[in-house]
Amino acid sequence: MQHNRPMNAAAAFMRQALDLAALAVGVSEPNPRVGCVIVSADGATVLGVGHTQPRRGGDVDRVEADAVSAHHA
C-alpha cells in the first residue's frame, strides 16, 4: 500500500542513501552495500555523499570516508 504524503527531509535523505547503495551492487559482497548522505546539523545542506567503491586488493573503501572527502574537495 502506498501513501500519498510527502516525504519528510530525513526520509528523503534515507531514500538518497539507499539509491546510492544500489550503485554498489556486485562491489561489496559478501558485505552489505552502503550509501551515505552527510547532512548539516540544521538539515538544510547536503555536505557529502558516497557509496561503497571497489579498491585495489579486492577490499572496499569505507563509504563514510568518501562522503567526507567529497565535502572537503
Protein backbone atom coordinates (compact mmCIF):
# COMPACT_ATOMS: atom_id res chain seq x y z
CA MET A 1 0.00 0.00 0.00
CA GLN A 2 1.36 3.41 -0.97
CA HIS A 3 0.65 6.53 1.00
CA ASN A 4 0.29 9.79 -0.90
CA ARG A 5 2.00 12.01 1.61
CA PRO A 6 5.21 14.00 1.09
CA MET A 7 8.41 12.56 2.49
CA ASN A 8 9.98 14.44 5.33
CA ALA A 9 13.59 15.54 4.91
CA ALA A 10 15.05 12.60 6.86
CA ALA A 11 13.14 10.11 4.74
CA ALA A 12 14.30 11.86 1.56
CA PHE A 13 17.94 11.65 2.68
CA MET A 14 17.48 7.98 3.57
CA ARG A 15 15.99 7.33 0.12
CA GLN A 16 19.03 9.05 -1.42
CA ALA A 17 21.39 6.85 0.66
CA LEU A 18 19.52 3.71 -0.42
CA ASP A 19 19.70 4.81 -4.06
CA LEU A 20 23.45 5.35 -3.68
CA ALA A 21 23.83 1.91 -2.09
CA ALA A 22 22.17 0.39 -5.16
CA LEU A 23 25.16 1.63 -7.20
CA ALA A 24 27.38 -0.78 -5.24
CA VAL A 25 25.66 -3.97 -6.41
CA GLY A 26 28.39 -6.51 -7.15
CA VAL A 27 31.08 -4.49 -5.37
CA SER A 28 30.83 -5.33 -1.71
CA GLU A 29 29.61 -8.92 -1.49
CA PRO A 30 29.54 -10.65 0.94
CA ASN A 31 29.37 -7.39 2.92
CA PRO A 32 26.32 -5.13 2.63
CA ARG A 33 26.10 -2.34 0.08
CA VAL A 34 26.26 1.08 1.73
CA GLY A 35 25.19 4.55 0.69
CA CYS A 36 25.92 7.62 2.78
CA VAL A 37 24.47 11.13 2.83
CA ILE A 38 26.06 13.58 5.29
CA VAL A 39 23.75 16.49 6.10
CA SER A 40 24.39 19.72 8.02
CA ALA A 41 23.11 19.89 11.59
CA ASP A 42 20.20 22.08 10.51
CA GLY A 43 19.26 19.64 7.75
CA ALA A 44 19.48 22.34 5.08
CA THR A 45 22.63 21.30 3.23
CA VAL A 46 23.99 18.00 1.93
CA LEU A 47 27.67 18.09 2.86
CA GLY A 48 28.75 14.93 1.09
CA VAL A 49 27.58 11.68 -0.46
CA GLY A 50 29.20 8.38 -1.24
CA HIS A 51 28.69 4.66 -1.75
CA THR A 52 30.77 1.52 -1.44
CA GLN A 53 33.56 1.61 -4.02
CA PRO A 54 35.95 -1.09 -5.25
CA ARG A 55 39.56 -0.69 -4.25
CA ARG A 56 42.79 -2.38 -5.28
CA GLY A 57 43.50 -5.55 -3.36
CA GLY A 58 39.90 -6.75 -3.53
CA ASP A 59 38.79 -4.75 -0.49
CA VAL A 60 36.21 -1.98 -0.46
CA ASP A 61 36.57 1.62 0.62
CA ARG A 62 34.64 2.97 3.58
CA VAL A 63 31.79 4.98 2.14
CA GLU A 64 31.74 7.47 5.01
CA ALA A 65 35.32 8.48 4.24
CA ASP A 66 34.38 9.04 0.59
CA ALA A 67 31.46 11.25 1.59
CA VAL A 68 33.63 13.33 3.91
CA SER A 69 36.33 13.60 1.24
CA ALA A 70 33.73 14.82 -1.25
CA HIS A 71 32.76 17.56 1.20
CA HIS A 72 36.37 18.71 1.60
CA ALA A 73 37.24 18.58 -2.11
